[in-house]
Amino acid sequence: MGTRSLTFVYDGEKPVINMYRQYDGYPEGHGQELAEFLLSGKMVNGFSSKDEKQFNGMGCLAAQMVANFKNGVGGFYIYSIDSTDCWQDYEYHVYGDKVIVKNPGEVIFNGSWEDFHSFCYSEE
């Protein structure tokens, strides 16, 4: 049985995507991978360089997130942003300046991308 998770990416207060992960959804799995992805790029408003990884807003981040995680059949799925009961064990709510992690319904982390990275690695 897998540890399911949902990852919502927000533009302001509204989610633009909901990515479902079938297994390894715990902070030491998906959380670490998500933290590494978030810290791999820089949030910008209008990109100027192709030499460094950039997220040109949250919609661009969401698209790159799917491209980063989805590499074949199964494992990851895009669900409606209204899908909130998918038997998930964890939820990751990604904003431009923070991440909120719930297990389910209970907030177990709320902080910056950098602090999220530390949180996920401290769970090992």
Protein backbone atom coordinates (compact mmCIF):
# COMPACT_ATOMS: atom_id res chain seq x y z
CA MET A 1 0.00 0.00 0.00
CA GLY A 2 1.38 3.41 -0.97
CA THR A 3 1.66 6.60 0.99
CA ARG A 4 -0.49 8.90 -1.12
CA SER A 5 -0.08 12.66 -1.33
CA LEU A 6 -1.58 15.68 -3.02
CA THR A 7 0.49 18.68 -4.07
CA PHE A 8 -1.39 21.90 -4.68
CA VAL A 9 0.37 24.87 -6.31
CA TYR A 10 -1.20 28.26 -5.66
CA ASP A 11 -1.21 31.50 -7.61
CA GLY A 12 -2.20 33.86 -4.82
CA GLU A 13 -4.84 32.12 -2.73
CA LYS A 14 -6.23 29.98 -5.57
CA PRO A 15 -4.78 26.57 -6.49
CA VAL A 16 -3.82 26.21 -10.16
CA ILE A 17 -2.94 22.51 -10.06
CA ASN A 18 -3.39 19.43 -7.89
CA MET A 19 -0.85 16.66 -8.44
CA TYR A 20 -1.61 13.26 -6.91
CA ARG A 21 1.24 10.91 -6.02
CA GLN A 22 0.38 7.24 -5.56
CA TYR A 23 3.29 6.24 -3.29
CA ASP A 24 6.23 7.69 -1.28
CA GLY A 25 4.17 10.76 -0.38
CA TYR A 26 5.70 11.21 3.08
CA PRO A 27 8.10 14.13 3.84
CA GLU A 28 11.18 11.88 3.62
CA GLY A 29 10.10 10.85 0.10
CA HIS A 30 7.98 13.25 -1.92
CA GLY A 31 8.67 16.12 0.48
CA GLN A 32 12.42 15.88 -0.07
CA GLU A 33 12.02 15.60 -3.83
CA LEU A 34 9.62 18.56 -3.87
CA ALA A 35 11.95 20.64 -1.69
CA GLU A 36 14.90 19.88 -3.99
CA PHE A 37 12.78 20.87 -7.00
CA LEU A 38 11.64 24.16 -5.41
CA LEU A 39 15.18 25.13 -4.43
CA SER A 40 16.55 24.22 -7.88
CA GLY A 41 15.17 27.39 -9.45
CA LYS A 42 14.58 31.06 -8.83
CA MET A 43 11.16 32.73 -8.81
CA VAL A 44 11.12 35.59 -11.34
CA ASN A 45 8.70 37.97 -12.99
CA GLY A 46 9.90 37.88 -16.58
CA PHE A 47 12.85 35.65 -17.32
CA SER A 48 16.14 36.95 -18.60
CA SER A 49 18.52 34.01 -18.59
CA LYS A 50 18.41 30.49 -19.89
CA ASP A 51 21.60 29.68 -18.00
CA GLU A 52 19.85 29.29 -14.67
CA LYS A 53 16.59 27.54 -13.81
CA GLN A 54 13.79 30.03 -13.28
CA PHE A 55 10.09 29.89 -12.48
CA ASN A 56 8.29 32.71 -14.28
CA GLY A 57 5.39 32.78 -11.83
CA MET A 58 3.44 29.98 -10.19
CA GLY A 59 1.89 28.69 -13.43
CA CYS A 60 5.37 28.18 -14.83
CA LEU A 61 6.47 26.50 -11.59
CA ALA A 62 3.44 24.17 -11.75
CA ALA A 63 4.20 23.16 -15.35
CA GLN A 64 7.87 22.52 -14.56
CA MET A 65 6.86 20.53 -11.47
CA VAL A 66 4.77 18.15 -13.56
CA ALA A 67 7.59 17.81 -16.10
CA ASN A 68 10.02 17.12 -13.26
CA PHE A 69 7.99 14.39 -11.57
CA LYS A 70 6.08 12.66 -14.38
CA ASN A 71 8.27 10.32 -16.40
CA GLY A 72 6.01 7.48 -17.49
CA VAL A 73 2.76 5.69 -16.87
CA GLY A 74 1.36 5.68 -13.31
CA GLY A 75 2.75 7.14 -10.14
CA PHE A 76 1.63 10.74 -10.68
CA TYR A 77 -1.72 12.09 -11.85
CA ILE A 78 -3.29 15.52 -12.28
CA TYR A 79 -6.52 15.80 -10.31
CA SER A 80 -9.06 18.58 -10.18
CA ILE A 81 -8.20 21.36 -7.75
CA ASP A 82 -11.53 20.50 -6.10
CA SER A 83 -10.40 16.92 -5.37
CA THR A 84 -9.52 16.98 -1.70
CA ASP A 85 -10.39 13.47 -0.49
CA CYS A 86 -8.12 11.07 -2.35
CA TRP A 87 -7.15 8.87 0.60
CA GLN A 88 -3.98 10.96 0.89
CA ASP A 89 -1.72 10.71 3.90
CA TYR A 90 -0.04 14.06 3.20
CA GLU A 91 -0.89 17.30 1.45
CA TYR A 92 1.68 19.81 0.22
CA HIS A 93 0.44 23.36 -0.43
CA VAL A 94 3.05 25.32 -2.40
CA TYR A 95 2.95 29.12 -2.51
CA GLY A 96 5.47 31.55 -3.98
CA ASP A 97 7.13 32.07 -0.61
CA LYS A 98 6.12 29.12 1.57
CA VAL A 99 4.96 25.54 1.83
CA ILE A 100 2.27 24.18 4.15
CA VAL A 101 2.23 20.43 4.87
CA LYS A 102 -0.84 18.71 6.29
CA ASN A 103 -1.25 15.17 7.60
CA PRO A 104 -4.43 15.09 6.80
CA GLY A 105 -6.12 18.22 7.99
CA GLU A 106 -3.51 18.86 10.71
CA VAL A 107 -0.78 21.34 9.78
CA ILE A 108 2.59 19.74 10.52
CA PHE A 109 4.73 22.37 8.76
CA ASN A 110 4.28 25.98 7.63
CA GLY A 111 7.33 27.90 6.44
CA SER A 112 9.65 29.05 3.68
CA TRP A 113 10.93 26.82 0.89
CA GLU A 114 14.31 26.69 2.64
CA ASP A 115 12.76 25.74 5.99
CA PHE A 116 10.62 23.13 4.19
CA HIS A 117 13.81 21.55 2.87
CA SER A 118 15.23 21.38 6.41
CA PHE A 119 11.93 19.97 7.75
CA CYS A 120 11.86 17.16 5.18
CA TYR A 121 15.43 16.14 5.87
CA SER A 122 14.99 16.34 9.65
CA GLU A 123 12.18 13.75 9.41
CA GLU A 124 14.66 10.98 8.46
